[in-house]
Amino acid sequence: METSTRTQKSTGRPPYWVITHSGGPPGRRRRREAAYRDILTLETAGNKILPLFGSETAASEFAGLYEAQTGMSGWGATQAWSGELLMLLSASGSGVGACSGVGAVTFDPPVEAIEDDGRSLKLLGVRCFMDQLLGRGDRWWRSR
């Protein structure tokens, strides 16, 4: 826990949480190097969306409800820092990797999003989200 707190203070950003498939029994600790092989994404009108959560509790609850509604087990919360998300999302356009084809992110999505094909989601484009992670705002783009 001390490392997480120290890292959060140095970057100024708390970690996000994503939902990953462990391939093992529920509750088993996810190994970092294998965690990003299968990341839960949602689809709406042909768009692939990465749900991000602000807390482990919110991500775990969503994963549990997802499992209950779909009958697919082995999903759970995995911590993801800004650099890891940048790596995953920068490859999204290449068609390679766990986030291949992701065009938007959503924060703390409601559980209804599982059933309503994502119509209840508020979306942020991947490029805008990556710019926020990098600290590049409107001023940065206008200076280019």
N, C-alpha and C. Protein backbone atom coordinates (compact mmCIF):
# COMPACT_ATOMS: atom_id res chain seq x y z
N MET A 1 0.81 -1.19 0.00
CA MET A 1 0.00 0.00 0.00
C MET A 1 0.86 1.26 0.00
N GLU A 2 1.99 1.20 0.69
CA GLU A 2 2.88 2.36 0.75
C GLU A 2 3.37 2.75 -0.64
N THR A 3 3.72 1.75 -1.46
CA THR A 3 4.19 2.03 -2.81
C THR A 3 3.12 2.74 -3.62
N SER A 4 1.87 2.27 -3.52
CA SER A 4 0.77 2.89 -4.26
C SER A 4 0.59 4.34 -3.85
N THR A 5 0.64 4.61 -2.55
CA THR A 5 0.48 5.97 -2.06
C THR A 5 1.63 6.84 -2.54
N ARG A 6 2.84 6.32 -2.48
CA ARG A 6 4.00 7.10 -2.93
C ARG A 6 3.89 7.40 -4.42
N THR A 7 3.51 6.40 -5.22
CA THR A 7 3.39 6.60 -6.66
C THR A 7 2.29 7.59 -6.97
N GLN A 8 1.17 7.49 -6.27
CA GLN A 8 0.07 8.42 -6.49
C GLN A 8 0.51 9.85 -6.20
N LYS A 9 1.25 10.04 -5.13
CA LYS A 9 1.70 11.38 -4.78
C LYS A 9 2.68 11.91 -5.82
N SER A 10 3.55 11.04 -6.35
CA SER A 10 4.54 11.52 -7.30
C SER A 10 3.94 11.84 -8.66
N THR A 11 2.92 11.12 -9.07
CA THR A 11 2.31 11.39 -10.37
C THR A 11 1.16 12.37 -10.26
N GLY A 12 0.59 12.49 -9.06
CA GLY A 12 -0.55 13.36 -8.89
C GLY A 12 -1.85 12.74 -9.35
N ARG A 13 -1.81 11.54 -9.84
CA ARG A 13 -3.01 10.87 -10.34
C ARG A 13 -3.20 9.53 -9.61
N PRO A 14 -4.40 9.30 -9.12
CA PRO A 14 -4.66 7.99 -8.53
C PRO A 14 -4.75 6.94 -9.64
N PRO A 15 -4.61 5.68 -9.30
CA PRO A 15 -4.73 4.65 -10.33
C PRO A 15 -6.18 4.49 -10.77
N TYR A 16 -6.35 3.95 -11.95
CA TYR A 16 -7.66 3.55 -12.43
C TYR A 16 -7.77 2.05 -12.18
N TRP A 17 -8.95 1.53 -12.36
CA TRP A 17 -9.18 0.09 -12.26
C TRP A 17 -9.87 -0.36 -13.52
N VAL A 18 -9.42 -1.47 -14.09
CA VAL A 18 -10.04 -2.09 -15.25
C VAL A 18 -10.50 -3.48 -14.84
N ILE A 19 -11.33 -4.08 -15.66
CA ILE A 19 -11.80 -5.42 -15.38
C ILE A 19 -11.09 -6.37 -16.33
N THR A 20 -10.42 -7.35 -15.74
CA THR A 20 -9.67 -8.32 -16.54
C THR A 20 -10.14 -9.72 -16.22
N HIS A 21 -9.83 -10.62 -17.12
CA HIS A 21 -10.16 -12.04 -16.93
C HIS A 21 -8.91 -12.75 -16.46
N SER A 22 -9.04 -13.46 -15.34
CA SER A 22 -7.87 -14.10 -14.75
C SER A 22 -7.60 -15.47 -15.33
N GLY A 23 -8.62 -16.10 -15.87
CA GLY A 23 -8.43 -17.46 -16.36
C GLY A 23 -8.33 -18.46 -15.23
N GLY A 24 -8.45 -18.00 -14.01
CA GLY A 24 -8.36 -18.87 -12.85
C GLY A 24 -9.59 -18.73 -11.98
N PRO A 25 -9.55 -19.35 -10.81
CA PRO A 25 -10.71 -19.27 -9.92
C PRO A 25 -10.92 -17.86 -9.40
N PRO A 26 -12.18 -17.49 -9.12
CA PRO A 26 -12.45 -16.15 -8.59
C PRO A 26 -11.68 -15.90 -7.31
N GLY A 27 -11.27 -14.65 -7.13
CA GLY A 27 -10.54 -14.28 -5.92
C GLY A 27 -9.05 -14.52 -6.01
N ARG A 28 -8.60 -15.22 -7.01
CA ARG A 28 -7.16 -15.46 -7.17
C ARG A 28 -6.48 -14.15 -7.57
N ARG A 29 -5.38 -13.85 -6.95
CA ARG A 29 -4.67 -12.61 -7.25
C ARG A 29 -4.16 -12.63 -8.68
N ARG A 30 -4.42 -11.55 -9.40
CA ARG A 30 -4.02 -11.47 -10.80
C ARG A 30 -2.55 -11.08 -10.90
N ARG A 31 -1.80 -11.83 -11.69
CA ARG A 31 -0.40 -11.50 -11.91
C ARG A 31 -0.32 -10.35 -12.89
N ARG A 32 0.50 -9.37 -12.59
CA ARG A 32 0.57 -8.15 -13.38
C ARG A 32 0.88 -8.41 -14.85
N GLU A 33 1.85 -9.26 -15.14
CA GLU A 33 2.25 -9.46 -16.54
C GLU A 33 1.18 -10.16 -17.37
N ALA A 34 0.28 -10.89 -16.72
CA ALA A 34 -0.76 -11.60 -17.46
C ALA A 34 -2.11 -10.88 -17.40
N ALA A 35 -2.18 -9.85 -16.58
CA ALA A 35 -3.47 -9.21 -16.30
C ALA A 35 -4.12 -8.58 -17.53
N TYR A 36 -3.33 -8.10 -18.46
CA TYR A 36 -3.91 -7.34 -19.56
C TYR A 36 -4.15 -8.17 -20.82
N ARG A 37 -4.12 -9.47 -20.71
CA ARG A 37 -4.37 -10.30 -21.89
C ARG A 37 -5.82 -10.24 -22.33
N ASP A 38 -6.71 -10.16 -21.37
CA ASP A 38 -8.13 -10.13 -21.68
C ASP A 38 -8.80 -9.07 -20.82
N ILE A 39 -9.09 -7.93 -21.42
CA ILE A 39 -9.69 -6.81 -20.71
C ILE A 39 -11.15 -6.68 -21.16
N LEU A 40 -12.03 -6.48 -20.21
CA LEU A 40 -13.44 -6.32 -20.52
C LEU A 40 -13.66 -5.01 -21.27
N THR A 41 -14.29 -5.11 -22.42
CA THR A 41 -14.72 -3.93 -23.15
C THR A 41 -16.21 -4.08 -23.42
N LEU A 42 -16.88 -2.97 -23.59
CA LEU A 42 -18.31 -2.95 -23.90
C LEU A 42 -18.47 -2.49 -25.34
N GLU A 43 -19.54 -2.89 -25.96
CA GLU A 43 -19.79 -2.45 -27.34
C GLU A 43 -21.14 -1.78 -27.45
N THR A 44 -21.18 -0.71 -28.19
CA THR A 44 -22.42 0.00 -28.46
C THR A 44 -22.37 0.51 -29.89
N ALA A 45 -23.35 0.18 -30.66
CA ALA A 45 -23.45 0.62 -32.05
C ALA A 45 -22.13 0.43 -32.80
N GLY A 46 -21.49 -0.70 -32.58
CA GLY A 46 -20.25 -1.01 -33.28
C GLY A 46 -19.01 -0.36 -32.72
N ASN A 47 -19.14 0.42 -31.65
CA ASN A 47 -17.99 1.06 -31.01
C ASN A 47 -17.53 0.23 -29.82
N LYS A 48 -16.23 0.08 -29.69
CA LYS A 48 -15.65 -0.66 -28.58
C LYS A 48 -15.23 0.34 -27.51
N ILE A 49 -15.67 0.09 -26.27
CA ILE A 49 -15.48 1.04 -25.18
C ILE A 49 -14.78 0.36 -24.01
N LEU A 50 -13.79 1.05 -23.43
CA LEU A 50 -13.09 0.54 -22.26
C LEU A 50 -13.68 1.18 -21.01
N PRO A 51 -14.31 0.36 -20.14
CA PRO A 51 -14.81 0.93 -18.88
C PRO A 51 -13.67 1.07 -17.87
N LEU A 52 -13.56 2.25 -17.27
CA LEU A 52 -12.56 2.53 -16.25
C LEU A 52 -13.27 2.87 -14.95
N PHE A 53 -12.65 2.49 -13.85
CA PHE A 53 -13.28 2.70 -12.55
C PHE A 53 -12.33 3.46 -11.63
N GLY A 54 -12.92 4.25 -10.73
CA GLY A 54 -12.13 5.04 -9.80
C GLY A 54 -11.77 4.31 -8.52
N SER A 55 -12.38 3.13 -8.31
CA SER A 55 -12.05 2.37 -7.11
C SER A 55 -12.12 0.88 -7.40
N GLU A 56 -11.38 0.13 -6.61
CA GLU A 56 -11.40 -1.32 -6.74
C GLU A 56 -12.79 -1.87 -6.42
N THR A 57 -13.45 -1.27 -5.46
CA THR A 57 -14.79 -1.73 -5.07
C THR A 57 -15.77 -1.59 -6.22
N ALA A 58 -15.78 -0.43 -6.88
CA ALA A 58 -16.70 -0.21 -8.00
C ALA A 58 -16.42 -1.19 -9.14
N ALA A 59 -15.14 -1.41 -9.44
CA ALA A 59 -14.78 -2.34 -10.52
C ALA A 59 -15.17 -3.77 -10.16
N SER A 60 -14.94 -4.16 -8.91
CA SER A 60 -15.28 -5.52 -8.48
C SER A 60 -16.78 -5.75 -8.52
N GLU A 61 -17.55 -4.77 -8.09
CA GLU A 61 -19.01 -4.89 -8.12
C GLU A 61 -19.51 -5.03 -9.56
N PHE A 62 -18.98 -4.22 -10.45
CA PHE A 62 -19.37 -4.28 -11.86
C PHE A 62 -19.00 -5.65 -12.43
N ALA A 63 -17.79 -6.13 -12.12
CA ALA A 63 -17.34 -7.44 -12.62
C ALA A 63 -18.27 -8.55 -12.12
N GLY A 64 -18.65 -8.49 -10.83
CA GLY A 64 -19.55 -9.49 -10.28
C GLY A 64 -20.90 -9.50 -10.96
N LEU A 65 -21.44 -8.32 -11.21
CA LEU A 65 -22.73 -8.24 -11.90
C LEU A 65 -22.61 -8.68 -13.36
N TYR A 66 -21.48 -8.34 -13.98
CA TYR A 66 -21.24 -8.79 -15.35
C TYR A 66 -21.22 -10.32 -15.41
N GLU A 67 -20.53 -10.93 -14.45
CA GLU A 67 -20.48 -12.39 -14.39
C GLU A 67 -21.87 -12.98 -14.19
N ALA A 68 -22.65 -12.39 -13.29
CA ALA A 68 -23.99 -12.89 -13.00
C ALA A 68 -24.91 -12.78 -14.22
N GLN A 69 -24.80 -11.68 -14.96
CA GLN A 69 -25.67 -11.47 -16.11
C GLN A 69 -25.26 -12.25 -17.34
N THR A 70 -23.96 -12.51 -17.49
CA THR A 70 -23.49 -13.20 -18.70
C THR A 70 -23.19 -14.67 -18.47
N GLY A 71 -23.02 -15.06 -17.20
CA GLY A 71 -22.67 -16.44 -16.90
C GLY A 71 -21.20 -16.76 -17.17
N MET A 72 -20.40 -15.72 -17.41
CA MET A 72 -18.96 -15.90 -17.67
C MET A 72 -18.20 -15.55 -16.41
N SER A 73 -17.44 -16.52 -15.86
CA SER A 73 -16.74 -16.27 -14.60
C SER A 73 -15.26 -15.95 -14.82
N GLY A 74 -14.59 -15.52 -13.75
CA GLY A 74 -13.16 -15.25 -13.80
C GLY A 74 -12.81 -13.79 -14.00
N TRP A 75 -13.81 -12.88 -13.97
CA TRP A 75 -13.56 -11.45 -14.17
C TRP A 75 -13.35 -10.78 -12.83
N GLY A 76 -12.44 -9.79 -12.77
CA GLY A 76 -12.20 -9.07 -11.54
C GLY A 76 -11.44 -7.78 -11.78
N ALA A 77 -11.26 -7.01 -10.73
CA ALA A 77 -10.62 -5.70 -10.80
C ALA A 77 -9.11 -5.83 -10.85
N THR A 78 -8.48 -5.03 -11.72
CA THR A 78 -7.03 -4.95 -11.81
C THR A 78 -6.64 -3.47 -11.85
N GLN A 79 -5.67 -3.11 -11.03
CA GLN A 79 -5.20 -1.72 -10.99
C GLN A 79 -4.42 -1.40 -12.27
N ALA A 80 -4.66 -0.20 -12.79
CA ALA A 80 -3.96 0.23 -14.00
C ALA A 80 -3.53 1.69 -13.83
N TRP A 81 -2.24 1.92 -13.89
CA TRP A 81 -1.70 3.27 -13.77
C TRP A 81 -1.72 3.96 -15.13
N SER A 82 -1.53 5.25 -15.11
CA SER A 82 -1.60 6.05 -16.34
C SER A 82 -0.71 5.51 -17.45
N GLY A 83 0.54 5.18 -17.13
CA GLY A 83 1.47 4.66 -18.15
C GLY A 83 1.00 3.38 -18.78
N GLU A 84 0.41 2.50 -17.97
CA GLU A 84 -0.10 1.24 -18.49
C GLU A 84 -1.27 1.48 -19.43
N LEU A 85 -2.15 2.41 -19.05
CA LEU A 85 -3.29 2.72 -19.92
C LEU A 85 -2.83 3.36 -21.22
N LEU A 86 -1.84 4.23 -21.13
CA LEU A 86 -1.30 4.83 -22.36
C LEU A 86 -0.75 3.76 -23.29
N MET A 87 -0.03 2.79 -22.73
CA MET A 87 0.53 1.71 -23.54
C MET A 87 -0.59 0.90 -24.21
N LEU A 88 -1.59 0.54 -23.43
CA LEU A 88 -2.70 -0.27 -23.96
C LEU A 88 -3.49 0.48 -25.02
N LEU A 89 -3.81 1.73 -24.74
CA LEU A 89 -4.66 2.49 -25.65
C LEU A 89 -3.91 2.99 -26.88
N SER A 90 -2.61 3.21 -26.78
CA SER A 90 -1.86 3.66 -27.96
C SER A 90 -1.79 2.56 -29.01
N ALA A 91 -1.93 1.32 -28.57
CA ALA A 91 -1.94 0.20 -29.52
C ALA A 91 -3.34 -0.12 -30.02
N SER A 92 -4.35 0.60 -29.52
CA SER A 92 -5.74 0.26 -29.86
C SER A 92 -6.03 0.42 -31.35
N GLY A 93 -5.39 1.37 -32.00
CA GLY A 93 -5.62 1.57 -33.43
C GLY A 93 -4.87 0.61 -34.31
N SER A 94 -3.91 -0.11 -33.75
CA SER A 94 -3.08 -1.00 -34.55
C SER A 94 -3.72 -2.36 -34.79
N GLY A 95 -4.81 -2.63 -34.07
CA GLY A 95 -5.46 -3.92 -34.23
C GLY A 95 -4.77 -5.03 -33.47
N VAL A 96 -3.83 -4.66 -32.60
CA VAL A 96 -3.09 -5.64 -31.82
C VAL A 96 -3.29 -5.33 -30.33
N GLY A 97 -3.43 -6.36 -29.53
CA GLY A 97 -3.49 -6.19 -28.09
C GLY A 97 -4.88 -6.24 -27.52
N ALA A 98 -4.92 -6.20 -26.18
CA ALA A 98 -6.17 -6.36 -25.46
C ALA A 98 -7.16 -5.23 -25.71
N CYS A 99 -6.68 -4.05 -26.04
CA CYS A 99 -7.56 -2.91 -26.27
C CYS A 99 -7.69 -2.58 -27.76
N SER A 100 -7.40 -3.53 -28.59
CA SER A 100 -7.49 -3.31 -30.03
C SER A 100 -8.91 -2.88 -30.42
N GLY A 101 -9.00 -1.80 -31.15
CA GLY A 101 -10.28 -1.30 -31.63
C GLY A 101 -11.04 -0.42 -30.66
N VAL A 102 -10.49 -0.18 -29.46
CA VAL A 102 -11.17 0.68 -28.49
C VAL A 102 -11.13 2.12 -29.01
N GLY A 103 -12.30 2.75 -29.08
CA GLY A 103 -12.38 4.11 -29.58
C GLY A 103 -12.75 5.12 -28.52
N ALA A 104 -13.19 4.63 -27.34
CA ALA A 104 -13.62 5.53 -26.28
C ALA A 104 -13.47 4.84 -24.93
N VAL A 105 -13.47 5.66 -23.89
CA VAL A 105 -13.48 5.15 -22.52
C VAL A 105 -14.71 5.70 -21.83
N THR A 106 -15.12 5.03 -20.77
CA THR A 106 -16.21 5.51 -19.93
C THR A 106 -15.81 5.31 -18.49
N PHE A 107 -16.24 6.21 -17.62
CA PHE A 107 -15.82 6.17 -16.22
C PHE A 107 -16.96 5.73 -15.33
N ASP A 108 -16.67 4.75 -14.47
CA ASP A 108 -17.65 4.22 -13.52
C ASP A 108 -19.01 4.01 -14.17
N PRO A 109 -19.06 3.15 -15.21
CA PRO A 109 -20.33 2.96 -15.92
C PRO A 109 -21.39 2.33 -15.03
N PRO A 110 -22.65 2.70 -15.26
CA PRO A 110 -23.72 2.06 -14.50
C PRO A 110 -23.89 0.62 -14.96
N VAL A 111 -24.39 -0.21 -14.07
CA VAL A 111 -24.58 -1.62 -14.38
C VAL A 111 -25.56 -1.79 -15.55
N GLU A 112 -26.47 -0.85 -15.72
CA GLU A 112 -27.44 -0.93 -16.81
C GLU A 112 -26.77 -0.99 -18.17
N ALA A 113 -25.53 -0.51 -18.24
CA ALA A 113 -24.80 -0.50 -19.51
C ALA A 113 -24.60 -1.90 -20.06
N ILE A 114 -24.57 -2.90 -19.18
CA ILE A 114 -24.40 -4.28 -19.64
C ILE A 114 -25.63 -4.71 -20.43
N GLU A 115 -26.81 -4.30 -19.97
CA GLU A 115 -28.06 -4.74 -20.60
C GLU A 115 -28.52 -3.82 -21.72
N ASP A 116 -28.19 -2.54 -21.66
CA ASP A 116 -28.75 -1.61 -22.66
C ASP A 116 -27.79 -1.33 -23.82
N ASP A 117 -26.86 -2.24 -24.04
CA ASP A 117 -25.89 -2.11 -25.14
C ASP A 117 -25.14 -0.78 -25.09
N GLY A 118 -24.88 -0.28 -23.89
CA GLY A 118 -24.07 0.91 -23.72
C GLY A 118 -24.77 2.23 -23.96
N ARG A 119 -26.08 2.21 -24.14
CA ARG A 119 -26.79 3.47 -24.41
C ARG A 119 -26.73 4.44 -23.22
N SER A 120 -26.52 3.91 -22.01
CA SER A 120 -26.49 4.76 -20.81
C SER A 120 -25.09 5.32 -20.52
N LEU A 121 -24.14 5.06 -21.39
CA LEU A 121 -22.75 5.47 -21.13
C LEU A 121 -22.46 6.89 -21.56
N LYS A 122 -21.61 7.55 -20.79
CA LYS A 122 -21.04 8.84 -21.19
C LYS A 122 -19.63 8.52 -21.63
N LEU A 123 -19.29 8.92 -22.85
CA LEU A 123 -18.03 8.49 -23.46
C LEU A 123 -17.04 9.64 -23.61
N LEU A 124 -15.77 9.27 -23.58
CA LEU A 124 -14.67 10.19 -23.87
C LEU A 124 -13.78 9.49 -24.88
N GLY A 125 -13.49 10.14 -25.98
CA GLY A 125 -12.65 9.55 -27.01
C GLY A 125 -11.27 9.18 -26.48
N VAL A 126 -10.70 8.13 -27.05
CA VAL A 126 -9.39 7.64 -26.60
C VAL A 126 -8.33 8.74 -26.70
N ARG A 127 -8.31 9.48 -27.79
CA ARG A 127 -7.29 10.52 -27.96
C ARG A 127 -7.42 11.60 -26.87
N CYS A 128 -8.64 12.01 -26.57
CA CYS A 128 -8.85 13.02 -25.52
C CYS A 128 -8.41 12.48 -24.16
N PHE A 129 -8.72 11.22 -23.89
CA PHE A 129 -8.33 10.63 -22.62
C PHE A 129 -6.81 10.53 -22.52
N MET A 130 -6.17 10.10 -23.60
CA MET A 130 -4.70 10.01 -23.59
C MET A 130 -4.08 11.38 -23.40
N ASP A 131 -4.65 12.40 -24.00
CA ASP A 131 -4.15 13.76 -23.82
C ASP A 131 -4.25 14.18 -22.35
N GLN A 132 -5.34 13.81 -21.71
CA GLN A 132 -5.50 14.15 -20.29
C GLN A 132 -4.45 13.42 -19.46
N LEU A 133 -4.20 12.15 -19.77
CA LEU A 133 -3.19 11.40 -19.03
C LEU A 133 -1.80 12.02 -19.20
N LEU A 134 -1.54 12.54 -20.38
CA LEU A 134 -0.25 13.15 -20.66
C LEU A 134 -0.17 14.60 -20.20
N GLY A 135 -1.30 15.13 -19.73
CA GLY A 135 -1.32 16.51 -19.27
C GLY A 135 -1.38 17.51 -20.40
N ARG A 136 -1.79 17.04 -21.57
CA ARG A 136 -1.89 17.94 -22.72
C ARG A 136 -3.33 18.41 -22.85
N GLY A 137 -3.54 19.65 -22.59
CA GLY A 137 -4.87 20.21 -22.71
C GLY A 137 -5.03 20.94 -24.02
N ASP A 138 -6.05 21.76 -24.06
CA ASP A 138 -6.37 22.54 -25.25
C ASP A 138 -5.21 23.44 -25.67
N ARG A 139 -4.54 24.03 -24.68
CA ARG A 139 -3.42 24.93 -24.99
C ARG A 139 -2.32 24.21 -25.76
N TRP A 140 -2.03 22.97 -25.39
CA TRP A 140 -0.99 22.21 -26.06
C TRP A 140 -1.32 22.00 -27.54
N TRP A 141 -2.58 21.63 -27.82
CA TRP A 141 -2.98 21.38 -29.21
C TRP A 141 -2.99 22.68 -30.02
N ARG A 142 -3.40 23.78 -29.40
CA ARG A 142 -3.42 25.05 -30.13
C ARG A 142 -2.02 25.55 -30.47
N SER A 143 -1.02 25.13 -29.68
CA SER A 143 0.35 25.57 -29.94
C SER A 143 1.01 24.77 -31.06
N ARG A 144 0.39 23.73 -31.55
CA ARG A 144 0.98 22.89 -32.62
C ARG A 144 0.72 23.47 -33.97
